[in-house]
Amino acid sequence: MMRFILPFVIFIILAVFLFRGLSLDPREVPSPLVGKPAPVFNLPQLHAPAKRFSPQEMKGKVWLLNVWASWCVSCVQEHPILVELAQQNIVPIYGLDYKDKSADALAWLNNKGNPYVLTVSDADGRIGIDYGVYGVPETYVIDKQGVIQYKQIGPVTPQNLQEKILPLVAELEKK
């Protein structure tokens, strides 16, 4: 009888860990970049490739960086929410067009509306790698000092916008 107790205890421990893992939300993957300075880049603007943009230009402002692509199915879901947010003029939204063709991205924004102050083109995906992008869409809340304060994996929804993003932006604006 004793020889069955140890395997049974190990089985119970593994079952508890498995059950706990199944209850986690994969969109709540903690980012190692939260609390750290946003990676610096200097990329061409989508609408004016001769002009460039760097996050350094945003020092002193709270802003959102939304990583998206015209080929992204989930981006279609979140896009109307971003357009509405941009119309409210609460926080500036900058776009990072990830691994996309410029012509496709421009056509997509022309057809669906453009919520972005400006969009930069990350055609080879290197900046996305620096930001730890798992897949598009992803949205980052960046504070006045250029530090990432929040990372939304997956589409922005009305719920996480109201419960997480906007309260955080309001708090960061006070600082």
Protein backbone atom coordinates (compact mmCIF):
# COMPACT_ATOMS: atom_id res chain seq x y z
CA MET A 1 0.00 0.00 0.00
CA MET A 2 2.84 2.43 0.82
CA ARG A 3 4.34 2.09 -2.66
CA PHE A 4 1.19 3.69 -4.15
CA ILE A 5 1.17 6.72 -1.85
CA LEU A 6 4.18 8.52 -3.36
CA PRO A 7 2.98 8.20 -7.00
CA PHE A 8 -0.51 9.28 -5.87
CA VAL A 9 0.88 12.38 -4.09
CA ILE A 10 2.96 13.28 -7.16
CA PHE A 11 -0.11 12.83 -9.36
CA ILE A 12 -2.18 15.16 -7.12
CA ILE A 13 0.55 17.82 -7.18
CA LEU A 14 0.81 17.65 -10.99
CA ALA A 15 -2.99 17.79 -11.31
CA VAL A 16 -3.12 20.93 -9.16
CA PHE A 17 -0.46 22.65 -11.31
CA LEU A 18 -2.23 21.58 -14.51
CA PHE A 19 -5.60 22.82 -13.25
CA ARG A 20 -4.03 26.15 -12.23
CA GLY A 21 -2.38 26.52 -15.64
CA LEU A 22 -5.63 25.87 -17.48
CA SER A 23 -7.35 28.65 -15.55
CA LEU A 24 -4.85 31.33 -16.65
CA ASP A 25 -5.67 33.76 -19.45
CA PRO A 26 -3.02 33.55 -22.21
CA ARG A 27 -3.58 37.25 -22.96
CA GLU A 28 -2.30 38.09 -19.49
CA VAL A 29 1.25 37.01 -20.25
CA PRO A 30 3.44 39.34 -18.21
CA SER A 31 5.82 41.36 -20.32
CA PRO A 32 9.39 41.78 -19.11
CA LEU A 33 9.29 45.27 -20.67
CA VAL A 34 6.64 46.65 -18.32
CA GLY A 35 8.38 49.11 -16.02
CA LYS A 36 11.33 49.48 -18.40
CA PRO A 37 12.11 52.17 -21.00
CA ALA A 38 10.42 51.59 -24.34
CA PRO A 39 12.90 50.38 -26.95
CA VAL A 40 14.18 53.22 -29.09
CA PHE A 41 13.68 53.20 -32.84
CA ASN A 42 13.77 55.61 -35.74
CA LEU A 43 11.47 54.42 -38.51
CA PRO A 44 9.96 55.92 -41.66
CA GLN A 45 6.40 57.18 -41.41
CA LEU A 46 3.87 55.19 -43.42
CA HIS A 47 2.18 58.22 -45.01
CA ALA A 48 5.44 60.15 -45.56
CA PRO A 49 8.38 57.71 -45.91
CA ALA A 50 10.87 60.56 -46.18
CA LYS A 51 9.93 61.59 -42.62
CA ARG A 52 10.92 59.52 -39.61
CA PHE A 53 9.57 59.05 -36.10
CA SER A 54 11.23 58.08 -32.84
CA PRO A 55 9.60 57.51 -29.43
CA GLN A 56 12.06 60.11 -28.08
CA GLU A 57 9.76 62.72 -29.64
CA MET A 58 7.05 61.70 -27.17
CA LYS A 59 9.00 62.48 -23.98
CA GLY A 60 6.72 64.37 -21.60
CA LYS A 61 3.54 62.80 -23.04
CA VAL A 62 1.50 59.72 -22.21
CA TRP A 63 0.73 57.80 -25.40
CA LEU A 64 -0.30 54.47 -26.87
CA LEU A 65 1.71 52.43 -29.35
CA ASN A 66 -0.54 50.04 -31.26
CA VAL A 67 1.15 47.26 -33.24
CA TRP A 68 -1.06 46.23 -36.16
CA ALA A 69 -1.02 44.96 -39.74
CA SER A 70 -3.41 44.92 -42.69
CA TRP A 71 -3.23 41.10 -42.78
CA CYS A 72 -4.25 40.81 -39.10
CA VAL A 73 -7.77 39.43 -38.56
CA SER A 74 -7.94 40.54 -34.91
CA CYS A 75 -6.91 44.07 -35.90
CA VAL A 76 -10.23 44.39 -37.75
CA GLN A 77 -12.01 43.63 -34.47
CA GLU A 78 -10.14 46.27 -32.45
CA HIS A 79 -9.94 48.97 -35.13
CA PRO A 80 -13.36 50.61 -34.58
CA ILE A 81 -12.55 50.88 -30.86
CA LEU A 82 -9.29 52.68 -31.67
CA VAL A 83 -11.04 54.98 -34.15
CA GLU A 84 -13.59 55.92 -31.49
CA LEU A 85 -10.86 56.44 -28.89
CA ALA A 86 -8.95 58.70 -31.29
CA GLN A 87 -12.08 60.79 -31.86
CA GLN A 88 -12.40 61.32 -28.10
CA ASN A 89 -8.89 62.81 -28.08
CA ILE A 90 -8.05 61.29 -24.67
CA VAL A 91 -4.62 59.92 -25.53
CA PRO A 92 -2.57 60.02 -28.75
CA ILE A 93 -2.34 56.69 -30.55
CA TYR A 94 0.69 55.92 -32.70
CA GLY A 95 0.74 52.93 -35.00
CA LEU A 96 3.50 50.45 -35.71
CA ASP A 97 2.66 48.66 -38.96
CA TYR A 98 4.23 45.24 -38.41
CA LYS A 99 5.64 43.07 -41.22
CA ASP A 100 3.32 44.59 -43.78
CA LYS A 101 3.45 46.06 -47.26
CA SER A 102 3.06 49.83 -47.17
CA ALA A 103 0.52 49.85 -50.00
CA ASP A 104 -1.66 47.30 -48.17
CA ALA A 105 -1.41 49.23 -44.90
CA LEU A 106 -2.31 52.54 -46.56
CA ALA A 107 -5.30 51.00 -48.33
CA TRP A 108 -6.45 49.39 -45.07
CA LEU A 109 -6.32 52.72 -43.20
CA ASN A 110 -8.06 54.54 -46.07
CA ASN A 111 -10.89 51.98 -46.05
CA LYS A 112 -11.33 51.53 -42.30
CA GLY A 113 -10.36 54.94 -40.93
CA ASN A 114 -7.11 56.12 -39.42
CA PRO A 115 -7.00 56.41 -35.61
CA TYR A 116 -3.27 57.12 -35.52
CA VAL A 117 -1.50 60.44 -35.09
CA LEU A 118 1.03 58.77 -37.35
CA THR A 119 2.09 55.26 -38.25
CA VAL A 120 5.61 53.96 -38.73
CA SER A 121 6.50 51.02 -40.90
CA ASP A 122 8.31 48.03 -39.36
CA ALA A 123 8.52 46.03 -42.58
CA ASP A 124 11.11 43.53 -41.36
CA GLY A 125 9.67 43.18 -37.84
CA ARG A 126 12.86 44.07 -35.97
CA ILE A 127 11.24 46.72 -33.81
CA GLY A 128 8.41 44.34 -33.03
CA ILE A 129 11.01 41.89 -31.75
CA ASP A 130 12.54 44.62 -29.57
CA TYR A 131 9.09 45.25 -28.09
CA GLY A 132 8.51 41.55 -27.49
CA VAL A 133 5.56 41.32 -29.87
CA TYR A 134 3.96 37.87 -29.66
CA GLY A 135 1.53 38.64 -32.46
CA VAL A 136 -0.60 41.49 -33.65
CA PRO A 137 -2.43 43.40 -32.39
CA GLU A 138 -0.63 44.52 -29.26
CA THR A 139 -0.93 47.88 -27.53
CA TYR A 140 1.50 49.56 -25.15
CA VAL A 141 0.80 52.39 -22.71
CA ILE A 142 3.94 54.51 -22.48
CA ASP A 143 4.38 57.18 -19.80
CA LYS A 144 5.89 60.67 -19.91
CA GLN A 145 9.38 59.33 -19.18
CA GLY A 146 9.17 56.82 -22.04
CA VAL A 147 8.59 53.80 -19.78
CA ILE A 148 6.19 51.03 -20.79
CA GLN A 149 3.50 50.86 -18.11
CA TYR A 150 1.12 48.31 -19.67
CA LYS A 151 1.02 45.83 -22.53
CA GLN A 152 -2.26 44.62 -24.03
CA ILE A 153 -1.80 41.36 -25.89
CA GLY A 154 -4.51 40.84 -28.46
CA PRO A 155 -7.21 43.27 -29.50
CA VAL A 156 -8.22 46.18 -27.33
CA THR A 157 -11.80 45.60 -26.20
CA PRO A 158 -14.25 48.09 -24.74
CA GLN A 159 -13.89 46.28 -21.41
CA ASN A 160 -10.09 46.42 -21.10
CA LEU A 161 -10.10 49.95 -22.48
CA GLN A 162 -12.47 51.12 -19.73
CA GLU A 163 -11.10 48.95 -16.91
CA LYS A 164 -7.35 49.07 -17.54
CA ILE A 165 -6.06 51.36 -20.27
CA LEU A 166 -8.01 54.58 -19.71
CA PRO A 167 -7.69 54.55 -15.89
CA LEU A 168 -3.93 53.99 -16.27
CA VAL A 169 -3.65 56.83 -18.81
CA ALA A 170 -5.58 59.15 -16.46
CA GLU A 171 -3.29 58.21 -13.55
CA LEU A 172 -0.15 58.72 -15.64
CA GLU A 173 -1.36 62.10 -16.89
CA LYS A 174 -1.50 63.33 -13.26
CA LYS A 175 2.16 62.52 -12.65
